[in-house]
């Protein structure tokens, strides 16, 4: 079971989209985001949705990976063996203090907007590797597996449902009431992983791997397949450095990162074509 080695039209569109988003971020995001909060003056006070587990070192490492601070970060939900962030848990509403794409004005007041991607892959090495797998056609391979097997479809339905339930439970009572007032219940409570509405639709591999690494007990089989594919690629090409090798147990995913590299080089990598900021990647 192998994908078509030639790039299909969907893969070409994904590549073009990544290039455009990278250029847009360089021209727009840098101009005001870093002007507001630099590494030296960022404090945990800026992250009002944080859990007790989030540390200032975590958010500074995330900033070096992504090139910006995600204001709706809750915590780092998966780490590498060297304690670098792999996946972030994000709050289901996002209203950054600078305006931008994920807040809207109602008079003078800024309103949050729904943010269904609760698990966000932050590691630029993983992101780049998975983008390459997508470009080779593995989304279509996994999609066919789902369509052809009712057990897989049922398993993904459970995984999407658990993801949606946890996302809804993250909201405060006040924010849950706000979501209902705005008629956003469908966008926050009912959609699945990264906002997917059809639970048999793969859509992308980044979001499924992020879900699997953060919550292996949810049983996201697409995330597991993606991880296994990365592992098999590492074994077949031992001369190539791969960022992740994982072994799932019933209670945890143990992450063994091969030559992960420092966060400064991570930032450089993540700022290239492979980083899809604040989208269901």
C-alpha atoms as a PDB file:
ATOM      1  CA  UNK A   1       0.000   0.000   0.000  1.00  0.00           C
ATOM      2  CA  UNK A   2       1.967   2.958  -1.318  1.00  0.00           C
ATOM      3  CA  UNK A   3       1.008   6.426  -2.538  1.00  0.00           C
ATOM      4  CA  UNK A   4       1.558   7.613  -6.064  1.00  0.00           C
ATOM      5  CA  UNK A   5       5.082   9.017  -6.125  1.00  0.00           C
ATOM      6  CA  UNK A   6       4.171  11.829  -8.486  1.00  0.00           C
ATOM      7  CA  UNK A   7       2.762  14.974  -6.914  1.00  0.00           C
ATOM      8  CA  UNK A   8      -0.975  15.221  -7.484  1.00  0.00           C
ATOM      9  CA  UNK A   9      -2.890  18.468  -7.813  1.00  0.00           C
ATOM     10  CA  UNK A  10      -3.906  18.485  -4.138  1.00  0.00           C
ATOM     11  CA  UNK A  11      -0.268  18.124  -3.088  1.00  0.00           C
ATOM     12  CA  UNK A  12       0.772  20.965  -5.377  1.00  0.00           C
ATOM     13  CA  UNK A  13      -1.948  23.179  -3.905  1.00  0.00           C
ATOM     14  CA  UNK A  14      -0.779  22.368  -0.363  1.00  0.00           C
ATOM     15  CA  UNK A  15       2.800  23.276  -1.271  1.00  0.00           C
ATOM     16  CA  UNK A  16       1.705  26.537  -2.898  1.00  0.00           C
ATOM     17  CA  UNK A  17      -0.467  27.327   0.115  1.00  0.00           C
ATOM     18  CA  UNK A  18       2.441  26.800   2.521  1.00  0.00           C
ATOM     19  CA  UNK A  19       4.658  29.101   0.471  1.00  0.00           C
ATOM     20  CA  UNK A  20       1.993  31.823   0.401  1.00  0.00           C
ATOM     21  CA  UNK A  21       1.279  31.573   4.132  1.00  0.00           C
ATOM     22  CA  UNK A  22       4.989  31.759   4.895  1.00  0.00           C
ATOM     23  CA  UNK A  23       5.333  34.958   2.844  1.00  0.00           C
ATOM     24  CA  UNK A  24       2.214  36.447   4.427  1.00  0.00           C
ATOM     25  CA  UNK A  25       3.547  35.775   7.925  1.00  0.00           C
ATOM     26  CA  UNK A  26       6.900  37.327   7.174  1.00  0.00           C
ATOM     27  CA  UNK A  27       5.293  40.467   5.774  1.00  0.00           C
ATOM     28  CA  UNK A  28       2.425  40.903   8.258  1.00  0.00           C
ATOM     29  CA  UNK A  29       2.866  38.935  11.461  1.00  0.00           C
ATOM     30  CA  UNK A  30       6.419  39.954  12.292  1.00  0.00           C
ATOM     31  CA  UNK A  31       5.651  43.630  11.844  1.00  0.00           C
ATOM     32  CA  UNK A  32       3.385  43.847  14.877  1.00  0.00           C
ATOM     33  CA  UNK A  33       3.422  40.638  16.917  1.00  0.00           C
ATOM     34  CA  UNK A  34       7.006  40.863  18.085  1.00  0.00           C
ATOM     35  CA  UNK A  35       6.699  44.603  18.600  1.00  0.00           C
ATOM     36  CA  UNK A  36       4.105  43.893  21.293  1.00  0.00           C
ATOM     37  CA  UNK A  37       5.819  41.114  23.222  1.00  0.00           C
ATOM     38  CA  UNK A  38       9.477  40.276  22.854  1.00  0.00           C
ATOM     39  CA  UNK A  39      11.231  37.321  24.435  1.00  0.00           C
ATOM     40  CA  UNK A  40      12.705  39.530  27.127  1.00  0.00           C
ATOM     41  CA  UNK A  41       9.455  40.986  28.447  1.00  0.00           C
ATOM     42  CA  UNK A  42       6.998  38.096  27.940  1.00  0.00           C
ATOM     43  CA  UNK A  43       5.476  36.864  31.182  1.00  0.00           C
ATOM     44  CA  UNK A  44       2.931  34.190  31.994  1.00  0.00           C
ATOM     45  CA  UNK A  45       0.444  36.978  32.708  1.00  0.00           C
ATOM     46  CA  UNK A  46       0.126  37.400  28.935  1.00  0.00           C
ATOM     47  CA  UNK A  47      -1.329  33.896  28.617  1.00  0.00           C
ATOM     48  CA  UNK A  48      -4.658  34.115  30.385  1.00  0.00           C
ATOM     49  CA  UNK A  49      -5.770  30.575  29.386  1.00  0.00           C
ATOM     50  CA  UNK A  50      -2.673  28.842  30.784  1.00  0.00           C
ATOM     51  CA  UNK A  51      -2.824  25.783  33.005  1.00  0.00           C
ATOM     52  CA  UNK A  52      -0.715  25.406  36.135  1.00  0.00           C
ATOM     53  CA  UNK A  53       1.689  23.225  34.110  1.00  0.00           C
ATOM     54  CA  UNK A  54       2.735  25.967  31.674  1.00  0.00           C
ATOM     55  CA  UNK A  55       6.114  27.567  32.376  1.00  0.00           C
ATOM     56  CA  UNK A  56       7.805  30.659  30.982  1.00  0.00           C
ATOM     57  CA  UNK A  57      10.510  28.387  29.540  1.00  0.00           C
ATOM     58  CA  UNK A  58       7.786  26.497  27.649  1.00  0.00           C
ATOM     59  CA  UNK A  59       6.340  29.601  26.008  1.00  0.00           C
ATOM     60  CA  UNK A  60       9.784  30.951  25.127  1.00  0.00           C
ATOM     61  CA  UNK A  61      10.661  27.628  23.489  1.00  0.00           C
ATOM     62  CA  UNK A  62       7.374  27.727  21.582  1.00  0.00           C
ATOM     63  CA  UNK A  63       8.146  31.265  20.437  1.00  0.00           C
ATOM     64  CA  UNK A  64      11.492  30.119  19.068  1.00  0.00           C
ATOM     65  CA  UNK A  65       9.827  27.214  17.254  1.00  0.00           C
ATOM     66  CA  UNK A  66       6.954  29.179  15.716  1.00  0.00           C
ATOM     67  CA  UNK A  67       8.303  32.718  15.633  1.00  0.00           C
ATOM     68  CA  UNK A  68       5.355  34.059  17.660  1.00  0.00           C
ATOM     69  CA  UNK A  69       3.491  33.532  20.920  1.00  0.00           C
ATOM     70  CA  UNK A  70       0.128  31.730  20.659  1.00  0.00           C
ATOM     71  CA  UNK A  71      -1.916  33.746  23.140  1.00  0.00           C
ATOM     72  CA  UNK A  72      -4.468  30.986  23.700  1.00  0.00           C
ATOM     73  CA  UNK A  73      -1.933  28.370  24.781  1.00  0.00           C
ATOM     74  CA  UNK A  74      -3.090  26.226  27.705  1.00  0.00           C
ATOM     75  CA  UNK A  75      -0.040  23.996  28.090  1.00  0.00           C
ATOM     76  CA  UNK A  76       2.479  21.889  26.217  1.00  0.00           C
ATOM     77  CA  UNK A  77       0.738  18.541  25.820  1.00  0.00           C
ATOM     78  CA  UNK A  78       3.666  16.518  24.417  1.00  0.00           C
ATOM     79  CA  UNK A  79       7.407  16.982  24.868  1.00  0.00           C
ATOM     80  CA  UNK A  80      10.468  15.487  23.228  1.00  0.00           C
ATOM     81  CA  UNK A  81      12.932  13.476  25.305  1.00  0.00           C
ATOM     82  CA  UNK A  82      15.001  16.667  25.569  1.00  0.00           C
ATOM     83  CA  UNK A  83      11.937  18.513  26.924  1.00  0.00           C
ATOM     84  CA  UNK A  84      11.315  20.555  23.795  1.00  0.00           C
ATOM     85  CA  UNK A  85       7.643  21.164  22.940  1.00  0.00           C
ATOM     86  CA  UNK A  86       6.103  18.896  20.311  1.00  0.00           C
ATOM     87  CA  UNK A  87       2.384  19.634  20.687  1.00  0.00           C
ATOM     88  CA  UNK A  88       0.475  22.494  22.310  1.00  0.00           C
ATOM     89  CA  UNK A  89      -2.969  22.423  23.837  1.00  0.00           C
ATOM     90  CA  UNK A  90      -4.835  25.577  22.797  1.00  0.00           C
ATOM     91  CA  UNK A  91      -7.951  27.170  24.233  1.00  0.00           C
ATOM     92  CA  UNK A  92     -11.045  26.849  21.976  1.00  0.00           C
ATOM     93  CA  UNK A  93     -11.501  30.637  21.829  1.00  0.00           C
ATOM     94  CA  UNK A  94      -8.779  33.012  20.706  1.00  0.00           C
ATOM     95  CA  UNK A  95      -8.724  36.761  20.946  1.00  0.00           C
ATOM     96  CA  UNK A  96      -5.189  38.040  20.794  1.00  0.00           C
ATOM     97  CA  UNK A  97      -4.442  41.462  22.214  1.00  0.00           C
ATOM     98  CA  UNK A  98      -3.296  42.761  18.847  1.00  0.00           C
ATOM     99  CA  UNK A  99      -6.475  42.116  16.871  1.00  0.00           C
ATOM    100  CA  UNK A 100      -5.598  40.178  13.757  1.00  0.00           C
ATOM    101  CA  UNK A 101      -7.313  37.182  12.225  1.00  0.00           C
ATOM    102  CA  UNK A 102      -8.706  35.622  15.362  1.00  0.00           C
ATOM    103  CA  UNK A 103     -10.543  38.491  16.995  1.00  0.00           C
ATOM    104  CA  UNK A 104     -13.257  40.811  15.748  1.00  0.00           C
ATOM    105  CA  UNK A 105     -14.350  44.218  16.939  1.00  0.00           C
ATOM    106  CA  UNK A 106     -17.788  44.913  18.317  1.00  0.00           C
ATOM    107  CA  UNK A 107     -17.575  48.654  18.773  1.00  0.00           C
ATOM    108  CA  UNK A 108     -14.541  49.112  21.014  1.00  0.00           C
ATOM    109  CA  UNK A 109     -14.681  45.578  22.395  1.00  0.00           C
ATOM    110  CA  UNK A 110     -12.657  42.709  20.930  1.00  0.00           C
ATOM    111  CA  UNK A 111     -14.555  39.435  20.719  1.00  0.00           C
ATOM    112  CA  UNK A 112     -12.929  36.038  20.687  1.00  0.00           C
ATOM    113  CA  UNK A 113     -13.514  33.745  17.740  1.00  0.00           C
ATOM    114  CA  UNK A 114     -13.911  29.939  17.773  1.00  0.00           C
ATOM    115  CA  UNK A 115     -10.629  28.064  17.592  1.00  0.00           C
ATOM    116  CA  UNK A 116     -11.376  24.342  17.119  1.00  0.00           C
ATOM    117  CA  UNK A 117      -7.761  23.155  16.735  1.00  0.00           C
ATOM    118  CA  UNK A 118      -7.175  22.167  20.360  1.00  0.00           C
ATOM    119  CA  UNK A 119      -3.962  20.182  19.727  1.00  0.00           C
ATOM    120  CA  UNK A 120      -1.354  22.058  17.704  1.00  0.00           C
ATOM    121  CA  UNK A 121       1.884  20.571  16.348  1.00  0.00           C
ATOM    122  CA  UNK A 122       4.637  23.066  17.187  1.00  0.00           C
ATOM    123  CA  UNK A 123       7.794  21.122  16.297  1.00  0.00           C
ATOM    124  CA  UNK A 124       9.038  22.438  12.929  1.00  0.00           C
ATOM    125  CA  UNK A 125      10.985  19.240  12.207  1.00  0.00           C
ATOM    126  CA  UNK A 126       7.884  17.091  12.587  1.00  0.00           C
ATOM    127  CA  UNK A 127       5.830  19.592  10.647  1.00  0.00           C
ATOM    128  CA  UNK A 128       8.229  19.487   7.714  1.00  0.00           C
ATOM    129  CA  UNK A 129       8.408  15.679   7.709  1.00  0.00           C
ATOM    130  CA  UNK A 130       4.633  15.334   7.756  1.00  0.00           C
ATOM    131  CA  UNK A 131       4.184  17.934   5.015  1.00  0.00           C
ATOM    132  CA  UNK A 132       6.482  15.802   2.878  1.00  0.00           C
ATOM    133  CA  UNK A 133       4.381  12.692   3.589  1.00  0.00           C
ATOM    134  CA  UNK A 134       1.269  14.597   2.565  1.00  0.00           C
ATOM    135  CA  UNK A 135       2.931  15.738  -0.647  1.00  0.00           C
ATOM    136  CA  UNK A 136       3.734  12.102  -1.453  1.00  0.00           C
ATOM    137  CA  UNK A 137       0.040  11.217  -1.256  1.00  0.00           C
ATOM    138  CA  UNK A 138      -0.312   9.506   2.116  1.00  0.00           C
ATOM    139  CA  UNK A 139      -3.518  11.363   2.940  1.00  0.00           C
ATOM    140  CA  UNK A 140      -5.205   9.510   0.082  1.00  0.00           C
ATOM    141  CA  UNK A 141      -3.780   6.178   1.256  1.00  0.00           C
ATOM    142  CA  UNK A 142      -5.082   6.658   4.789  1.00  0.00           C
ATOM    143  CA  UNK A 143      -8.376   7.981   3.472  1.00  0.00           C
ATOM    144  CA  UNK A 144      -8.912   4.793   1.473  1.00  0.00           C
ATOM    145  CA  UNK A 145      -8.159   2.689   4.551  1.00  0.00           C
ATOM    146  CA  UNK A 146     -10.850   4.561   6.469  1.00  0.00           C
ATOM    147  CA  UNK A 147     -13.422   4.284   3.689  1.00  0.00           C
ATOM    148  CA  UNK A 148     -12.767   0.571   3.200  1.00  0.00           C
ATOM    149  CA  UNK A 149     -12.952  -0.478   6.855  1.00  0.00           C
ATOM    150  CA  UNK A 150     -15.948   0.167   9.104  1.00  0.00           C
ATOM    151  CA  UNK A 151     -13.878  -0.622  12.213  1.00  0.00           C
ATOM    152  CA  UNK A 152     -11.472   2.191  11.353  1.00  0.00           C
ATOM    153  CA  UNK A 153     -14.394   4.535  10.688  1.00  0.00           C
ATOM    154  CA  UNK A 154     -15.916   3.707  14.055  1.00  0.00           C
ATOM    155  CA  UNK A 155     -12.575   4.154  15.789  1.00  0.00           C
ATOM    156  CA  UNK A 156     -12.118   7.584  14.232  1.00  0.00           C
ATOM    157  CA  UNK A 157     -15.657   8.554  15.223  1.00  0.00           C
ATOM    158  CA  UNK A 158     -14.778   7.784  18.846  1.00  0.00           C
ATOM    159  CA  UNK A 159     -11.484   9.703  18.599  1.00  0.00           C
ATOM    160  CA  UNK A 160     -13.178  12.788  17.112  1.00  0.00           C
ATOM    161  CA  UNK A 161     -15.916  12.640  19.749  1.00  0.00           C
ATOM    162  CA  UNK A 162     -13.431  12.470  22.638  1.00  0.00           C
ATOM    163  CA  UNK A 163     -11.474  15.386  21.154  1.00  0.00           C
ATOM    164  CA  UNK A 164     -14.670  17.453  20.852  1.00  0.00           C
ATOM    165  CA  UNK A 165     -15.771  16.614  24.392  1.00  0.00           C
ATOM    166  CA  UNK A 166     -12.429  17.648  25.869  1.00  0.00           C
ATOM    167  CA  UNK A 167     -12.429  20.871  23.853  1.00  0.00           C
ATOM    168  CA  UNK A 168     -15.909  21.788  25.155  1.00  0.00           C
ATOM    169  CA  UNK A 169     -14.867  20.946  28.724  1.00  0.00           C
ATOM    170  CA  UNK A 170     -11.915  23.368  28.497  1.00  0.00           C
ATOM    171  CA  UNK A 171     -14.262  26.338  28.267  1.00  0.00           C
ATOM    172  CA  UNK A 172     -15.102  28.263  31.396  1.00  0.00           C
ATOM    173  CA  UNK A 173     -18.796  28.542  32.276  1.00  0.00           C
ATOM    174  CA  UNK A 174     -18.710  32.157  31.135  1.00  0.00           C
ATOM    175  CA  UNK A 175     -17.127  31.314  27.793  1.00  0.00           C
ATOM    176  CA  UNK A 176     -19.484  28.383  27.256  1.00  0.00           C
ATOM    177  CA  UNK A 177     -22.405  30.760  27.723  1.00  0.00           C
ATOM    178  CA  UNK A 178     -20.740  33.242  25.346  1.00  0.00           C
ATOM    179  CA  UNK A 179     -20.335  30.535  22.683  1.00  0.00           C
ATOM    180  CA  UNK A 180     -24.017  29.642  22.960  1.00  0.00           C
ATOM    181  CA  UNK A 181     -25.009  33.318  22.726  1.00  0.00           C
ATOM    182  CA  UNK A 182     -22.962  33.676  19.539  1.00  0.00           C
ATOM    183  CA  UNK A 183     -24.446  30.484  18.022  1.00  0.00           C
ATOM    184  CA  UNK A 184     -20.971  28.945  17.810  1.00  0.00           C
ATOM    185  CA  UNK A 185     -21.854  25.657  19.491  1.00  0.00           C
ATOM    186  CA  UNK A 186     -21.470  23.712  16.247  1.00  0.00           C
ATOM    187  CA  UNK A 187     -17.985  25.150  15.654  1.00  0.00           C
ATOM    188  CA  UNK A 188     -16.747  24.469  19.185  1.00  0.00           C
ATOM    189  CA  UNK A 189     -18.672  21.510  20.598  1.00  0.00           C
ATOM    190  CA  UNK A 190     -19.731  19.418  17.596  1.00  0.00           C
ATOM    191  CA  UNK A 191     -16.814  19.402  15.145  1.00  0.00           C
ATOM    192  CA  UNK A 192     -13.974  16.926  15.566  1.00  0.00           C
ATOM    193  CA  UNK A 193     -10.189  17.098  15.387  1.00  0.00           C
ATOM    194  CA  UNK A 194      -9.077  20.508  14.091  1.00  0.00           C
ATOM    195  CA  UNK A 195     -12.638  21.406  13.098  1.00  0.00           C
ATOM    196  CA  UNK A 196     -13.277  18.358  10.880  1.00  0.00           C
ATOM    197  CA  UNK A 197     -17.025  17.866  10.393  1.00  0.00           C
ATOM    198  CA  UNK A 198     -17.028  14.546   8.531  1.00  0.00           C
ATOM    199  CA  UNK A 199     -15.394  12.158  10.986  1.00  0.00           C
ATOM    200  CA  UNK A 200     -14.426   9.783   8.175  1.00  0.00           C
ATOM    201  CA  UNK A 201     -12.444  12.537   6.426  1.00  0.00           C
ATOM    202  CA  UNK A 202      -8.679  12.555   7.030  1.00  0.00           C
ATOM    203  CA  UNK A 203      -8.114  16.161   5.873  1.00  0.00           C
ATOM    204  CA  UNK A 204      -4.467  16.381   7.016  1.00  0.00           C
ATOM    205  CA  UNK A 205      -1.878  14.407   8.967  1.00  0.00           C
ATOM    206  CA  UNK A 206      -0.479  17.140  11.230  1.00  0.00           C
ATOM    207  CA  UNK A 207      -3.605  17.481  13.350  1.00  0.00           C
ATOM    208  CA  UNK A 208      -4.060  13.720  13.746  1.00  0.00           C
ATOM    209  CA  UNK A 209      -0.471  13.178  14.864  1.00  0.00           C
ATOM    210  CA  UNK A 210      -0.808  16.074  17.331  1.00  0.00           C
ATOM    211  CA  UNK A 211      -3.948  14.418  18.735  1.00  0.00           C
ATOM    212  CA  UNK A 212      -2.283  10.998  18.973  1.00  0.00           C
ATOM    213  CA  UNK A 213       0.860  12.305  20.683  1.00  0.00           C
ATOM    214  CA  UNK A 214      -1.201  14.267  23.209  1.00  0.00           C
ATOM    215  CA  UNK A 215      -3.981  11.737  23.842  1.00  0.00           C
ATOM    216  CA  UNK A 216      -2.948   8.245  22.659  1.00  0.00           C
ATOM    217  CA  UNK A 217      -5.808   6.728  24.676  1.00  0.00           C
ATOM    218  CA  UNK A 218      -8.310   8.519  22.412  1.00  0.00           C
ATOM    219  CA  UNK A 219      -7.418   5.994  19.701  1.00  0.00           C
ATOM    220  CA  UNK A 220      -6.760   8.292  16.724  1.00  0.00           C
ATOM    221  CA  UNK A 221      -5.705   5.612  14.261  1.00  0.00           C
ATOM    222  CA  UNK A 222      -4.653   8.122  11.566  1.00  0.00           C
ATOM    223  CA  UNK A 223      -2.269   9.725  14.053  1.00  0.00           C
ATOM    224  CA  UNK A 224      -0.892   6.292  14.932  1.00  0.00           C
ATOM    225  CA  UNK A 225      -0.407   5.407  11.255  1.00  0.00           C
ATOM    226  CA  UNK A 226       1.405   8.701  10.703  1.00  0.00           C
ATOM    227  CA  UNK A 227       3.734   8.007  13.621  1.00  0.00           C
ATOM    228  CA  UNK A 228       4.403   4.472  12.379  1.00  0.00           C
ATOM    229  CA  UNK A 229       5.152   5.831   8.914  1.00  0.00           C
ATOM    230  CA  UNK A 230       7.704   8.263  10.352  1.00  0.00           C
ATOM    231  CA  UNK A 231       9.279   5.398  12.287  1.00  0.00           C
ATOM    232  CA  UNK A 232       9.461   3.126   9.255  1.00  0.00           C
ATOM    233  CA  UNK A 233      11.026   5.907   7.195  1.00  0.00           C
ATOM    234  CA  UNK A 234      13.640   6.350   9.901  1.00  0.00           C
ATOM    235  CA  UNK A 235      14.448   2.642   9.861  1.00  0.00           C
ATOM    236  CA  UNK A 236      14.677   2.502   6.071  1.00  0.00           C
ATOM    237  CA  UNK A 237      16.920   5.580   5.835  1.00  0.00           C
ATOM    238  CA  UNK A 238      19.216   5.354   8.832  1.00  0.00           C
ATOM    239  CA  UNK A 239      21.465   8.087   7.433  1.00  0.00           C
ATOM    240  CA  UNK A 240      18.623  10.613   7.605  1.00  0.00           C
ATOM    241  CA  UNK A 241      17.816  12.304  10.901  1.00  0.00           C
ATOM    242  CA  UNK A 242      14.167  11.978  11.850  1.00  0.00           C
ATOM    243  CA  UNK A 243      12.696  13.836  14.790  1.00  0.00           C
ATOM    244  CA  UNK A 244      10.449  11.208  16.313  1.00  0.00           C
ATOM    245  CA  UNK A 245      10.227   7.578  17.189  1.00  0.00           C
ATOM    246  CA  UNK A 246       7.367   6.645  19.496  1.00  0.00           C
ATOM    247  CA  UNK A 247       6.061   3.571  21.257  1.00  0.00           C
ATOM    248  CA  UNK A 248       2.488   3.699  22.530  1.00  0.00           C
ATOM    249  CA  UNK A 249       1.329   2.007  25.700  1.00  0.00           C
ATOM    250  CA  UNK A 250      -2.107   2.060  27.225  1.00  0.00           C
ATOM    251  CA  UNK A 251      -1.292   5.103  29.351  1.00  0.00           C
ATOM    252  CA  UNK A 252       1.358   7.136  27.588  1.00  0.00           C
ATOM    253  CA  UNK A 253       3.383   7.762  24.470  1.00  0.00           C
ATOM    254  CA  UNK A 254       7.104   7.674  25.029  1.00  0.00           C
ATOM    255  CA  UNK A 255       8.935   9.993  22.690  1.00  0.00           C
ATOM    256  CA  UNK A 256      12.495   9.326  21.611  1.00  0.00           C
ATOM    257  CA  UNK A 257      13.858  12.204  19.573  1.00  0.00           C
ATOM    258  CA  UNK A 258      16.894  11.562  17.399  1.00  0.00           C
ATOM    259  CA  UNK A 259      19.227  14.570  17.272  1.00  0.00           C
ATOM    260  CA  UNK A 260      16.433  16.998  17.937  1.00  0.00           C
ATOM    261  CA  UNK A 261      18.631  20.077  17.597  1.00  0.00           C
ATOM    262  CA  UNK A 262      18.463  23.385  19.427  1.00  0.00           C
ATOM    263  CA  UNK A 263      15.498  25.718  19.375  1.00  0.00           C
ATOM    264  CA  UNK A 264      17.324  28.409  17.448  1.00  0.00           C
ATOM    265  CA  UNK A 265      17.641  26.131  14.411  1.00  0.00           C
ATOM    266  CA  UNK A 266      14.080  25.006  15.024  1.00  0.00           C
ATOM    267  CA  UNK A 267      12.870  28.558  14.634  1.00  0.00           C
ATOM    268  CA  UNK A 268      14.675  28.919  11.354  1.00  0.00           C
ATOM    269  CA  UNK A 269      13.126  25.706  10.061  1.00  0.00           C
ATOM    270  CA  UNK A 270       9.670  26.513  11.287  1.00  0.00           C
ATOM    271  CA  UNK A 271       9.619  29.904   9.635  1.00  0.00           C
ATOM    272  CA  UNK A 272      10.024  28.338   6.201  1.00  0.00           C
ATOM    273  CA  UNK A 273       7.372  26.832   3.937  1.00  0.00           C
ATOM    274  CA  UNK A 274       6.398  24.168   6.444  1.00  0.00           C
ATOM    275  CA  UNK A 275       4.752  26.219   9.215  1.00  0.00           C
ATOM    276  CA  UNK A 276       0.998  26.839   8.934  1.00  0.00           C
ATOM    277  CA  UNK A 277       0.314  29.370  11.638  1.00  0.00           C
ATOM    278  CA  UNK A 278      -3.010  29.206  13.458  1.00  0.00           C
ATOM    279  CA  UNK A 279      -4.718  26.918  10.999  1.00  0.00           C
ATOM    280  CA  UNK A 280      -5.924  23.338  11.112  1.00  0.00           C
ATOM    281  CA  UNK A 281      -2.705  22.241   9.501  1.00  0.00           C
END
